[in-house]
Amino acid sequence: MREFDDETGRRWVASVERRDGKDYQGRYHFVARPVDGTGESVALGDVRWNSEMTARRTLETASDVELRRRLRSAVGRSGGPVRDGRR
């Protein structure tokens, strides 16, 4: 897991979740949650890894710019409710 700030200064945690199924490839996908506990988590199902170790290593070495880009993409795709001016 890795904490980062979005463009507005809100703190997020980038993490990995496992999705079970018949296909073992790409079981782990990107998820971001607000650190303050307000709002919903957002996921990017198309950002996937084959193992948890690879996923965690990728998140640990990703730049804050990359994490913000992935967060924007996840929020845009979620279509969730807007809260406090943010999705």
C-alpha atoms as a PDB file:
ATOM      1  CA  MET A   1       0.000   0.000   0.000  1.00  0.00           C
ATOM      2  CA  ARG A   2       1.133   3.497  -0.743  1.00  0.00           C
ATOM      3  CA  GLU A   3      -0.182   6.912   0.292  1.00  0.00           C
ATOM      4  CA  PHE A   4      -0.243   9.877  -2.072  1.00  0.00           C
ATOM      5  CA  ASP A   5      -2.024  13.229  -2.532  1.00  0.00           C
ATOM      6  CA  ASP A   6      -4.363  14.046  -5.402  1.00  0.00           C
ATOM      7  CA  GLU A   7      -4.355  17.446  -7.170  1.00  0.00           C
ATOM      8  CA  THR A   8      -6.545  18.973  -4.452  1.00  0.00           C
ATOM      9  CA  GLY A   9      -4.331  17.764  -1.597  1.00  0.00           C
ATOM     10  CA  ARG A  10      -6.655  14.973  -0.516  1.00  0.00           C
ATOM     11  CA  ARG A  11      -4.727  11.958   0.780  1.00  0.00           C
ATOM     12  CA  TRP A  12      -5.318   8.514  -0.823  1.00  0.00           C
ATOM     13  CA  VAL A  13      -4.001   4.996  -0.356  1.00  0.00           C
ATOM     14  CA  ALA A  14      -3.173   3.014  -3.476  1.00  0.00           C
ATOM     15  CA  SER A  15      -3.521  -0.706  -2.913  1.00  0.00           C
ATOM     16  CA  VAL A  16      -4.224  -4.009  -4.570  1.00  0.00           C
ATOM     17  CA  GLU A  17      -7.257  -6.261  -4.455  1.00  0.00           C
ATOM     18  CA  ARG A  18      -7.627  -9.824  -5.601  1.00  0.00           C
ATOM     19  CA  ARG A  19     -10.412 -10.868  -7.945  1.00  0.00           C
ATOM     20  CA  ASP A  20     -11.002 -14.619  -7.976  1.00  0.00           C
ATOM     21  CA  GLY A  21     -12.046 -16.462 -11.069  1.00  0.00           C
ATOM     22  CA  LYS A  22     -11.054 -19.165 -13.497  1.00  0.00           C
ATOM     23  CA  ASP A  23      -8.346 -17.053 -15.125  1.00  0.00           C
ATOM     24  CA  TYR A  24      -5.246 -16.810 -12.928  1.00  0.00           C
ATOM     25  CA  GLN A  25      -3.653 -14.078 -15.025  1.00  0.00           C
ATOM     26  CA  GLY A  26      -4.297 -10.585 -13.837  1.00  0.00           C
ATOM     27  CA  ARG A  27      -6.075 -11.497 -10.611  1.00  0.00           C
ATOM     28  CA  TYR A  28      -4.773  -8.425  -8.781  1.00  0.00           C
ATOM     29  CA  HIS A  29      -5.988  -4.948  -9.691  1.00  0.00           C
ATOM     30  CA  PHE A  30      -5.453  -1.309  -8.659  1.00  0.00           C
ATOM     31  CA  VAL A  31      -7.674   0.231  -5.952  1.00  0.00           C
ATOM     32  CA  ALA A  32      -7.515   3.684  -4.329  1.00  0.00           C
ATOM     33  CA  ARG A  33      -9.235   4.691  -1.087  1.00  0.00           C
ATOM     34  CA  PRO A  34      -9.423   8.063   0.661  1.00  0.00           C
ATOM     35  CA  VAL A  35      -7.261   8.017   3.798  1.00  0.00           C
ATOM     36  CA  ASP A  36      -9.809  10.067   5.762  1.00  0.00           C
ATOM     37  CA  GLY A  37     -12.457   7.377   5.262  1.00  0.00           C
ATOM     38  CA  THR A  38     -14.906   9.725   3.554  1.00  0.00           C
ATOM     39  CA  GLY A  39     -16.095   8.759   0.120  1.00  0.00           C
ATOM     40  CA  GLU A  40     -15.828   5.497  -1.694  1.00  0.00           C
ATOM     41  CA  SER A  41     -12.881   3.531  -2.982  1.00  0.00           C
ATOM     42  CA  VAL A  42     -12.337   3.402  -6.732  1.00  0.00           C
ATOM     43  CA  ALA A  43     -10.824   0.584  -8.750  1.00  0.00           C
ATOM     44  CA  LEU A  44      -9.232   0.168 -12.146  1.00  0.00           C
ATOM     45  CA  GLY A  45     -10.001  -3.344 -13.285  1.00  0.00           C
ATOM     46  CA  ASP A  46      -7.836  -3.035 -16.379  1.00  0.00           C
ATOM     47  CA  VAL A  47      -4.687  -2.231 -14.365  1.00  0.00           C
ATOM     48  CA  ARG A  48      -3.880  -5.793 -13.380  1.00  0.00           C
ATOM     49  CA  TRP A  49      -0.998  -7.901 -12.222  1.00  0.00           C
ATOM     50  CA  ASN A  50      -0.440 -11.658 -12.092  1.00  0.00           C
ATOM     51  CA  SER A  51       0.897 -11.710  -8.537  1.00  0.00           C
ATOM     52  CA  GLU A  52       0.459  -9.653  -5.408  1.00  0.00           C
ATOM     53  CA  MET A  53       4.231  -9.293  -5.089  1.00  0.00           C
ATOM     54  CA  THR A  54       4.490  -7.705  -8.552  1.00  0.00           C
ATOM     55  CA  ALA A  55       1.529  -5.438  -7.870  1.00  0.00           C
ATOM     56  CA  ARG A  56       2.946  -4.189  -4.588  1.00  0.00           C
ATOM     57  CA  ARG A  57       6.390  -3.622  -6.087  1.00  0.00           C
ATOM     58  CA  THR A  58       4.810  -1.624  -8.917  1.00  0.00           C
ATOM     59  CA  LEU A  59       2.869   0.577  -6.496  1.00  0.00           C
ATOM     60  CA  GLU A  60       5.929   1.115  -4.296  1.00  0.00           C
ATOM     61  CA  THR A  61       8.003   2.321  -7.244  1.00  0.00           C
ATOM     62  CA  ALA A  62       5.304   4.328  -9.069  1.00  0.00           C
ATOM     63  CA  SER A  63       5.656   8.094  -9.066  1.00  0.00           C
ATOM     64  CA  ASP A  64       3.027  10.289  -7.431  1.00  0.00           C
ATOM     65  CA  VAL A  65       2.201  11.602 -10.912  1.00  0.00           C
ATOM     66  CA  GLU A  66       1.443   8.061 -12.105  1.00  0.00           C
ATOM     67  CA  LEU A  67      -0.702   7.313  -9.060  1.00  0.00           C
ATOM     68  CA  ARG A  68      -2.671  10.543  -9.560  1.00  0.00           C
ATOM     69  CA  ARG A  69      -3.191   9.651 -13.236  1.00  0.00           C
ATOM     70  CA  ARG A  70      -4.511   6.214 -12.287  1.00  0.00           C
ATOM     71  CA  LEU A  71      -6.759   7.733  -9.636  1.00  0.00           C
ATOM     72  CA  ARG A  72      -8.226  10.233 -12.142  1.00  0.00           C
ATOM     73  CA  SER A  73      -8.871   7.386 -14.554  1.00  0.00           C
ATOM     74  CA  ALA A  74     -10.539   5.255 -11.868  1.00  0.00           C
ATOM     75  CA  VAL A  75     -12.725   8.127 -10.650  1.00  0.00           C
ATOM     76  CA  GLY A  76     -13.714   9.016 -14.200  1.00  0.00           C
ATOM     77  CA  ARG A  77     -14.717   5.446 -14.959  1.00  0.00           C
ATOM     78  CA  SER A  78     -16.554   4.888 -11.687  1.00  0.00           C
ATOM     79  CA  GLY A  79     -19.233   7.450 -12.411  1.00  0.00           C
ATOM     80  CA  GLY A  80     -19.843   7.586  -8.671  1.00  0.00           C
ATOM     81  CA  PRO A  81     -21.487  10.429  -6.787  1.00  0.00           C
ATOM     82  CA  VAL A  82     -19.614  13.679  -6.376  1.00  0.00           C
ATOM     83  CA  ARG A  83     -18.911  14.595  -2.752  1.00  0.00           C
ATOM     84  CA  ASP A  84     -17.372  17.889  -1.621  1.00  0.00           C
ATOM     85  CA  GLY A  85     -16.648  18.770  -5.220  1.00  0.00           C
ATOM     86  CA  ARG A  86     -14.907  15.435  -5.819  1.00  0.00           C
ATOM     87  CA  ARG A  87     -16.026  12.043  -6.953  1.00  0.00           C
END
